[in-house]
Amino acid sequence: MSEKTRYSDDELLEFKEIILQKLEKARNDYETLKSAITMSESNDTQDTSPTFKVLEEGAATLSKEEAGKLAQRQAKFIQHLEAALIRIENKNYGICRETGVLIDKERLRVVPHATLSIEAKNNQK
C-alpha cells in the first residue's frame, strides 16, 4: 500500500472544525485583550491618596503592556489559524513544509496550525 500524500476530504473537514473552534475562541480572547488595553482609568473621586494613585497607575501601565503583548501574540495565532484554513481549502493542509510528509494527526489535533512534523521541528534546534 502506498503512503498517503494528503489527508482525505473527510479528515480535512475534521481539522477545519477544530480550527474554526479555536479561531472563535482566539478572536474572543483577542477582543477581551483589546478592551483591557483601551479601557480608560476609572479612579474613584474619593481617591485622594497620591501614593496609592501612583501605584495603581504603575500597575495599570504594566497590565496594559502585558495585555498588549498578549494581544499581539493572539493576533499572530489568529493569522496562523486563518492560514491553516487556506491550506485546507487548497488541500495541502497537514503536509510538513520541510519533509513533505504528512504531519501526524494527533499533532494537528493539538496544534492545528502546525506546518512542521515533530521530526522537522526537532531538527530545527
C-alpha atoms as a PDB file:
ATOM      1  CA  MET A   1       0.000   0.000   0.000  1.00  0.00           C
ATOM      2  CA  SER A   2       1.389   3.385  -0.943  1.00  0.00           C
ATOM      3  CA  GLU A   3       1.937   6.103   1.627  1.00  0.00           C
ATOM      4  CA  LYS A   4      -0.709   8.836   1.782  1.00  0.00           C
ATOM      5  CA  THR A   5       0.387  12.152   0.302  1.00  0.00           C
ATOM      6  CA  ARG A   6      -2.513  14.201   1.675  1.00  0.00           C
ATOM      7  CA  TYR A   7      -5.417  13.960   4.087  1.00  0.00           C
ATOM      8  CA  SER A   8      -8.843  12.953   2.761  1.00  0.00           C
ATOM      9  CA  ASP A   9     -11.642  15.490   2.400  1.00  0.00           C
ATOM     10  CA  ASP A  10     -13.351  13.995   5.480  1.00  0.00           C
ATOM     11  CA  GLU A  11     -10.163  14.336   7.513  1.00  0.00           C
ATOM     12  CA  LEU A  12      -9.712  17.910   6.279  1.00  0.00           C
ATOM     13  CA  LEU A  13     -13.277  18.663   7.364  1.00  0.00           C
ATOM     14  CA  GLU A  14     -12.486  17.344  10.850  1.00  0.00           C
ATOM     15  CA  PHE A  15      -9.430  19.602  11.069  1.00  0.00           C
ATOM     16  CA  LYS A  16     -11.429  22.548   9.733  1.00  0.00           C
ATOM     17  CA  GLU A  17     -13.930  22.155  12.585  1.00  0.00           C
ATOM     18  CA  ILE A  18     -11.123  22.084  15.142  1.00  0.00           C
ATOM     19  CA  ILE A  19      -9.568  25.202  13.632  1.00  0.00           C
ATOM     20  CA  LEU A  20     -12.870  27.078  13.464  1.00  0.00           C
ATOM     21  CA  GLN A  21     -13.497  26.367  17.158  1.00  0.00           C
ATOM     22  CA  LYS A  22     -10.008  27.538  18.113  1.00  0.00           C
ATOM     23  CA  LEU A  23     -10.378  30.581  15.860  1.00  0.00           C
ATOM     24  CA  GLU A  24     -13.621  31.640  17.520  1.00  0.00           C
ATOM     25  CA  LYS A  25     -12.067  31.348  20.985  1.00  0.00           C
ATOM     26  CA  ALA A  26      -8.904  33.155  19.850  1.00  0.00           C
ATOM     27  CA  ARG A  27     -10.914  36.033  18.391  1.00  0.00           C
ATOM     28  CA  ASN A  28     -12.951  36.352  21.596  1.00  0.00           C
ATOM     29  CA  ASP A  29      -9.767  36.354  23.668  1.00  0.00           C
ATOM     30  CA  TYR A  30      -8.240  38.954  21.342  1.00  0.00           C
ATOM     31  CA  GLU A  31     -11.255  41.250  21.736  1.00  0.00           C
ATOM     32  CA  THR A  32     -11.078  40.861  25.518  1.00  0.00           C
ATOM     33  CA  LEU A  33      -7.396  41.802  25.497  1.00  0.00           C
ATOM     34  CA  LYS A  34      -8.035  44.777  23.224  1.00  0.00           C
ATOM     35  CA  SER A  35     -10.750  46.076  25.514  1.00  0.00           C
ATOM     36  CA  ALA A  36      -8.432  45.660  28.513  1.00  0.00           C
ATOM     37  CA  ILE A  37      -5.849  47.810  26.740  1.00  0.00           C
ATOM     38  CA  THR A  38      -8.229  50.574  25.706  1.00  0.00           C
ATOM     39  CA  MET A  39     -10.234  50.642  28.926  1.00  0.00           C
ATOM     40  CA  SER A  40      -9.925  54.085  30.467  1.00  0.00           C
ATOM     41  CA  GLU A  41      -8.753  54.533  34.014  1.00  0.00           C
ATOM     42  CA  SER A  42     -11.627  54.746  36.447  1.00  0.00           C
ATOM     43  CA  ASN A  43     -10.253  56.233  39.606  1.00  0.00           C
ATOM     44  CA  ASP A  44     -12.901  56.913  42.162  1.00  0.00           C
ATOM     45  CA  THR A  45     -13.469  60.567  43.087  1.00  0.00           C
ATOM     46  CA  GLN A  46     -12.982  59.518  46.703  1.00  0.00           C
ATOM     47  CA  ASP A  47      -9.383  58.538  45.918  1.00  0.00           C
ATOM     48  CA  THR A  48      -7.310  61.357  47.374  1.00  0.00           C
ATOM     49  CA  SER A  49      -4.171  59.441  48.292  1.00  0.00           C
ATOM     50  CA  PRO A  50      -1.409  60.340  45.809  1.00  0.00           C
ATOM     51  CA  THR A  51       0.752  57.356  46.846  1.00  0.00           C
ATOM     52  CA  PHE A  52      -1.910  54.792  46.069  1.00  0.00           C
ATOM     53  CA  LYS A  53      -2.796  56.564  42.843  1.00  0.00           C
ATOM     54  CA  VAL A  54       0.819  56.345  41.611  1.00  0.00           C
ATOM     55  CA  LEU A  55       0.977  52.651  42.495  1.00  0.00           C
ATOM     56  CA  GLU A  56      -2.334  51.972  40.763  1.00  0.00           C
ATOM     57  CA  GLU A  57      -1.260  53.843  37.625  1.00  0.00           C
ATOM     58  CA  GLY A  58       2.026  51.917  37.548  1.00  0.00           C
ATOM     59  CA  ALA A  59       0.206  48.619  37.860  1.00  0.00           C
ATOM     60  CA  ALA A  60      -2.285  49.686  35.196  1.00  0.00           C
ATOM     61  CA  THR A  61       0.540  50.599  32.811  1.00  0.00           C
ATOM     62  CA  LEU A  62       2.228  47.253  33.421  1.00  0.00           C
ATOM     63  CA  SER A  63      -1.059  45.434  32.889  1.00  0.00           C
ATOM     64  CA  LYS A  64      -1.656  47.309  29.646  1.00  0.00           C
ATOM     65  CA  GLU A  65       1.843  46.429  28.433  1.00  0.00           C
ATOM     66  CA  GLU A  66       1.283  42.769  29.271  1.00  0.00           C
ATOM     67  CA  ALA A  67      -2.151  42.833  27.649  1.00  0.00           C
ATOM     68  CA  GLY A  68      -0.598  44.457  24.573  1.00  0.00           C
ATOM     69  CA  LYS A  69       1.987  41.693  24.265  1.00  0.00           C
ATOM     70  CA  LEU A  70      -0.676  39.041  24.740  1.00  0.00           C
ATOM     71  CA  ALA A  71      -2.897  40.732  22.153  1.00  0.00           C
ATOM     72  CA  GLN A  72      -0.035  40.747  19.629  1.00  0.00           C
ATOM     73  CA  ARG A  73       0.572  37.080  20.290  1.00  0.00           C
ATOM     74  CA  GLN A  74      -3.124  36.322  19.935  1.00  0.00           C
ATOM     75  CA  ALA A  75      -3.302  38.233  16.633  1.00  0.00           C
ATOM     76  CA  LYS A  76      -0.392  36.168  15.304  1.00  0.00           C
ATOM     77  CA  PHE A  77      -2.128  32.954  16.445  1.00  0.00           C
ATOM     78  CA  ILE A  78      -5.282  34.035  14.599  1.00  0.00           C
ATOM     79  CA  GLN A  79      -3.225  34.633  11.433  1.00  0.00           C
ATOM     80  CA  HIS A  80      -1.708  31.144  11.710  1.00  0.00           C
ATOM     81  CA  LEU A  81      -5.159  29.583  12.124  1.00  0.00           C
ATOM     82  CA  GLU A  82      -6.502  31.521   9.132  1.00  0.00           C
ATOM     83  CA  ALA A  83      -3.518  30.374   7.049  1.00  0.00           C
ATOM     84  CA  ALA A  84      -4.300  26.785   8.087  1.00  0.00           C
ATOM     85  CA  LEU A  85      -7.856  27.220   6.793  1.00  0.00           C
ATOM     86  CA  ILE A  86      -6.435  28.346   3.447  1.00  0.00           C
ATOM     87  CA  ARG A  87      -4.219  25.254   3.339  1.00  0.00           C
ATOM     88  CA  ILE A  88      -7.320  23.142   3.963  1.00  0.00           C
ATOM     89  CA  GLU A  89      -9.115  24.815   1.054  1.00  0.00           C
ATOM     90  CA  ASN A  90      -6.040  24.206  -1.131  1.00  0.00           C
ATOM     91  CA  LYS A  91      -5.961  20.585   0.096  1.00  0.00           C
ATOM     92  CA  ASN A  92      -2.317  20.809   1.148  1.00  0.00           C
ATOM     93  CA  TYR A  93      -3.049  21.039   4.875  1.00  0.00           C
ATOM     94  CA  GLY A  94      -1.054  18.785   7.168  1.00  0.00           C
ATOM     95  CA  ILE A  95       1.946  18.391   4.876  1.00  0.00           C
ATOM     96  CA  CYS A  96       5.276  19.191   6.520  1.00  0.00           C
ATOM     97  CA  ARG A  97       6.918  22.124   4.753  1.00  0.00           C
ATOM     98  CA  GLU A  98      10.385  20.662   5.413  1.00  0.00           C
ATOM     99  CA  THR A  99       9.980  16.956   4.701  1.00  0.00           C
ATOM    100  CA  GLY A 100       6.859  16.865   2.513  1.00  0.00           C
ATOM    101  CA  VAL A 101       5.350  14.019   4.551  1.00  0.00           C
ATOM    102  CA  LEU A 102       2.051  14.130   6.403  1.00  0.00           C
ATOM    103  CA  ILE A 103       2.148  15.618   9.882  1.00  0.00           C
ATOM    104  CA  ASP A 104       0.797  13.204  12.481  1.00  0.00           C
ATOM    105  CA  LYS A 105      -2.947  13.598  13.101  1.00  0.00           C
ATOM    106  CA  GLU A 106      -2.506  13.819  16.870  1.00  0.00           C
ATOM    107  CA  ARG A 107      -0.082  16.727  16.455  1.00  0.00           C
ATOM    108  CA  LEU A 108      -2.553  18.528  14.187  1.00  0.00           C
ATOM    109  CA  ARG A 109      -5.390  18.000  16.651  1.00  0.00           C
ATOM    110  CA  VAL A 110      -3.319  19.678  19.374  1.00  0.00           C
ATOM    111  CA  VAL A 111      -1.565  22.284  17.181  1.00  0.00           C
ATOM    112  CA  PRO A 112      -3.860  22.622  14.149  1.00  0.00           C
ATOM    113  CA  HIS A 113      -1.765  25.398  12.593  1.00  0.00           C
ATOM    114  CA  ALA A 114       1.419  23.286  12.597  1.00  0.00           C
ATOM    115  CA  THR A 115       3.416  23.301   9.371  1.00  0.00           C
ATOM    116  CA  LEU A 116       6.244  21.066  10.582  1.00  0.00           C
ATOM    117  CA  SER A 117       6.277  17.437  11.633  1.00  0.00           C
ATOM    118  CA  ILE A 118       7.759  16.620  15.036  1.00  0.00           C
ATOM    119  CA  GLU A 119      10.911  15.336  13.329  1.00  0.00           C
ATOM    120  CA  ALA A 120      11.387  18.543  11.327  1.00  0.00           C
ATOM    121  CA  LYS A 121      10.648  20.667  14.397  1.00  0.00           C
ATOM    122  CA  ASN A 122      13.236  18.763  16.439  1.00  0.00           C
ATOM    123  CA  ASN A 123      15.829  19.190  13.664  1.00  0.00           C
ATOM    124  CA  GLN A 124      15.460  22.988  13.879  1.00  0.00           C
ATOM    125  CA  LYS A 125      17.037  23.089  17.344  1.00  0.00           C
END
